[in-house]
Amino acid sequence: MNPDRPFQLFLFSVEPTLVKTATAAGVDGFIVDWEQNGKENRQTGYDTQINANTLDDLKRVRSCTDALVICRLNAYGLATKSEIEKAVAAGADEVLLPMVRTVEEVECVIGQVRERCRVGILIETMSAVSLASSISHSRYPEYT
């Protein structure tokens, strides 16, 4: 992070021309969005964007930029391990875990990643809000 800027600018995009243009313009990074499971039901009636990005999209973005590339996974579940392995192999600098509900989910993801990339979490459920202190003091405090 640039110490002269108190925030970072990220763009949700997998379009190569836009990624290259945005990189040249100084965007800090890109988010490739794999989160789809249950998202349509959760966001029905809201004016939100639901992406359907793929492994090939992640590979394409990685090949277009040296900027930070974050891959937002689906909420923790049976496919998480596979999603992490694919994201890391495709060059993600960070995996982002949405809809966190337990400390154990966070610890499992951090353990699976094994320092191969950064781990970000989204505190967007009431259970995660109530566990925020526990999450921040989990077994892997250097990552939370």
Protein backbone atom coordinates (compact mmCIF):
# COMPACT_ATOMS: atom_id res chain seq x y z
CA MET A 1 0.00 0.00 0.00
CA ASN A 2 1.24 3.46 -0.86
CA PRO A 3 1.79 5.28 2.47
CA ASP A 4 0.85 8.59 0.85
CA ARG A 5 -2.65 7.26 0.13
CA PRO A 6 -4.84 6.22 3.06
CA PHE A 7 -6.92 3.87 0.93
CA GLN A 8 -6.58 1.53 -2.01
CA LEU A 9 -8.69 1.49 -5.16
CA PHE A 10 -9.87 -1.89 -6.47
CA LEU A 11 -11.87 -2.63 -9.58
CA PHE A 12 -14.18 -5.57 -10.22
CA SER A 13 -13.25 -6.40 -13.82
CA VAL A 14 -12.04 -9.32 -15.90
CA GLU A 15 -11.97 -7.48 -19.23
CA PRO A 16 -8.32 -7.36 -20.41
CA THR A 17 -8.40 -3.93 -22.05
CA LEU A 18 -10.01 -2.34 -19.00
CA VAL A 19 -7.60 -4.12 -16.64
CA LYS A 20 -4.60 -2.82 -18.61
CA THR A 21 -6.01 0.71 -18.84
CA ALA A 22 -6.90 0.79 -15.14
CA THR A 23 -3.47 -0.56 -14.18
CA ALA A 24 -1.80 2.21 -16.18
CA ALA A 25 -4.09 4.74 -14.50
CA GLY A 26 -2.97 3.61 -11.04
CA VAL A 27 -5.66 1.25 -9.80
CA ASP A 28 -4.20 -0.73 -6.90
CA GLY A 29 -5.78 -4.04 -7.81
CA PHE A 30 -8.58 -6.10 -9.24
CA ILE A 31 -11.20 -8.39 -7.78
CA VAL A 32 -12.20 -11.52 -9.64
CA ASP A 33 -15.53 -12.55 -8.19
CA TRP A 34 -16.35 -16.24 -7.86
CA GLU A 35 -19.04 -15.69 -5.21
CA GLN A 36 -22.28 -17.03 -6.65
CA ASN A 37 -23.66 -19.67 -4.28
CA GLY A 38 -26.87 -18.36 -2.73
CA LYS A 39 -26.07 -14.82 -3.74
CA GLU A 40 -29.08 -14.32 -5.99
CA ASN A 41 -31.46 -15.31 -3.17
CA ARG A 42 -29.68 -13.09 -0.62
CA GLN A 43 -29.75 -10.09 -2.92
CA THR A 44 -33.19 -10.39 -4.50
CA GLY A 45 -34.82 -6.99 -4.63
CA TYR A 46 -31.57 -5.07 -4.25
CA ASP A 47 -29.73 -3.21 -6.98
CA THR A 48 -26.52 -5.24 -6.77
CA GLN A 49 -24.08 -6.74 -9.20
CA ILE A 50 -23.77 -10.52 -9.23
CA ASN A 51 -20.75 -11.72 -11.15
CA ALA A 52 -20.05 -15.15 -12.57
CA ASN A 53 -16.29 -14.92 -12.99
CA THR A 54 -14.34 -18.10 -13.72
CA LEU A 55 -10.92 -19.65 -13.28
CA ASP A 56 -10.10 -18.58 -16.83
CA ASP A 57 -11.08 -15.01 -15.92
CA LEU A 58 -8.67 -15.08 -12.98
CA LYS A 59 -5.85 -16.39 -15.18
CA ARG A 60 -6.57 -13.72 -17.79
CA VAL A 61 -6.55 -10.88 -15.24
CA ARG A 62 -3.32 -12.18 -13.70
CA SER A 63 -1.69 -12.21 -17.15
CA CYS A 64 -2.76 -8.60 -17.82
CA THR A 65 -1.44 -6.87 -14.70
CA ASP A 66 1.22 -6.79 -12.04
CA ALA A 67 -1.27 -5.10 -9.70
CA LEU A 68 -2.80 -6.96 -6.78
CA VAL A 69 -5.34 -9.60 -7.84
CA ILE A 70 -7.92 -10.69 -5.28
CA CYS A 71 -10.22 -13.65 -5.82
CA ARG A 72 -13.48 -13.56 -3.86
CA LEU A 73 -14.48 -17.15 -3.15
CA ASN A 74 -17.90 -18.53 -2.36
CA ALA A 75 -18.91 -18.68 1.30
CA TYR A 76 -17.15 -21.42 3.26
CA GLY A 77 -18.35 -24.88 2.27
CA LEU A 78 -17.49 -28.15 0.57
CA ALA A 79 -15.89 -26.42 -2.44
CA THR A 80 -13.69 -24.02 -0.46
CA LYS A 81 -10.57 -26.18 -0.49
CA SER A 82 -10.80 -26.67 -4.26
CA GLU A 83 -11.49 -22.97 -4.86
CA ILE A 84 -8.45 -21.98 -2.78
CA GLU A 85 -6.17 -24.38 -4.66
CA LYS A 86 -7.39 -23.12 -8.04
CA ALA A 87 -7.10 -19.46 -7.04
CA VAL A 88 -3.57 -19.87 -5.68
CA ALA A 89 -2.45 -21.86 -8.73
CA ALA A 90 -3.88 -19.18 -11.03
CA GLY A 91 -1.87 -16.46 -9.31
CA ALA A 92 -4.24 -14.76 -6.90
CA ASP A 93 -2.40 -12.51 -4.46
CA GLU A 94 -5.25 -12.80 -1.99
CA VAL A 95 -8.35 -14.91 -1.49
CA LEU A 96 -11.34 -13.15 0.02
CA LEU A 97 -13.76 -15.21 2.11
CA PRO A 98 -17.31 -13.78 2.17
CA MET A 99 -20.21 -14.48 4.51
CA VAL A 100 -17.96 -15.59 7.39
CA ARG A 101 -19.97 -17.16 10.21
CA THR A 102 -17.40 -18.81 12.52
CA VAL A 103 -13.82 -18.47 13.72
CA GLU A 104 -13.24 -22.05 12.54
CA GLU A 105 -14.07 -21.10 8.94
CA VAL A 106 -11.41 -18.40 9.02
CA GLU A 107 -8.84 -20.69 10.61
CA CYS A 108 -9.54 -23.46 8.11
CA VAL A 109 -9.06 -21.11 5.17
CA ILE A 110 -5.85 -19.66 6.60
CA GLY A 111 -4.58 -23.18 7.23
CA GLN A 112 -5.45 -24.25 3.70
CA VAL A 113 -3.74 -21.23 2.14
CA ARG A 114 -0.53 -21.93 4.10
CA GLU A 115 0.93 -18.47 3.46
CA ARG A 116 0.86 -18.91 -0.33
CA CYS A 117 -1.20 -15.73 -0.63
CA ARG A 118 -2.99 -13.28 1.64
CA VAL A 119 -6.37 -14.04 3.19
CA GLY A 120 -9.10 -11.43 3.54
CA ILE A 121 -12.43 -11.93 5.23
CA LEU A 122 -15.75 -10.15 4.91
CA ILE A 123 -17.60 -9.48 8.15
CA GLU A 124 -21.12 -9.31 6.73
CA THR A 125 -23.19 -11.63 8.90
CA MET A 126 -24.49 -10.98 12.41
CA SER A 127 -22.63 -14.04 13.68
CA ALA A 128 -19.34 -12.69 12.29
CA VAL A 129 -20.00 -9.28 13.84
CA SER A 130 -20.53 -10.90 17.23
CA LEU A 131 -17.32 -12.94 16.75
CA ALA A 132 -15.18 -10.11 15.37
CA SER A 133 -12.98 -9.95 18.47
CA SER A 134 -12.52 -13.73 18.49
CA ILE A 135 -11.73 -13.73 14.78
CA SER A 136 -9.11 -11.03 15.28
CA HIS A 137 -7.49 -13.10 18.06
CA SER A 138 -7.68 -16.44 16.28
CA ARG A 139 -4.81 -18.92 16.03
CA TYR A 140 -3.39 -16.94 13.11
CA PRO A 141 -3.50 -13.31 14.36
CA GLU A 142 -0.93 -12.15 11.81
CA TYR A 143 -3.50 -12.78 9.06
CA THR A 144 -6.67 -11.37 10.61
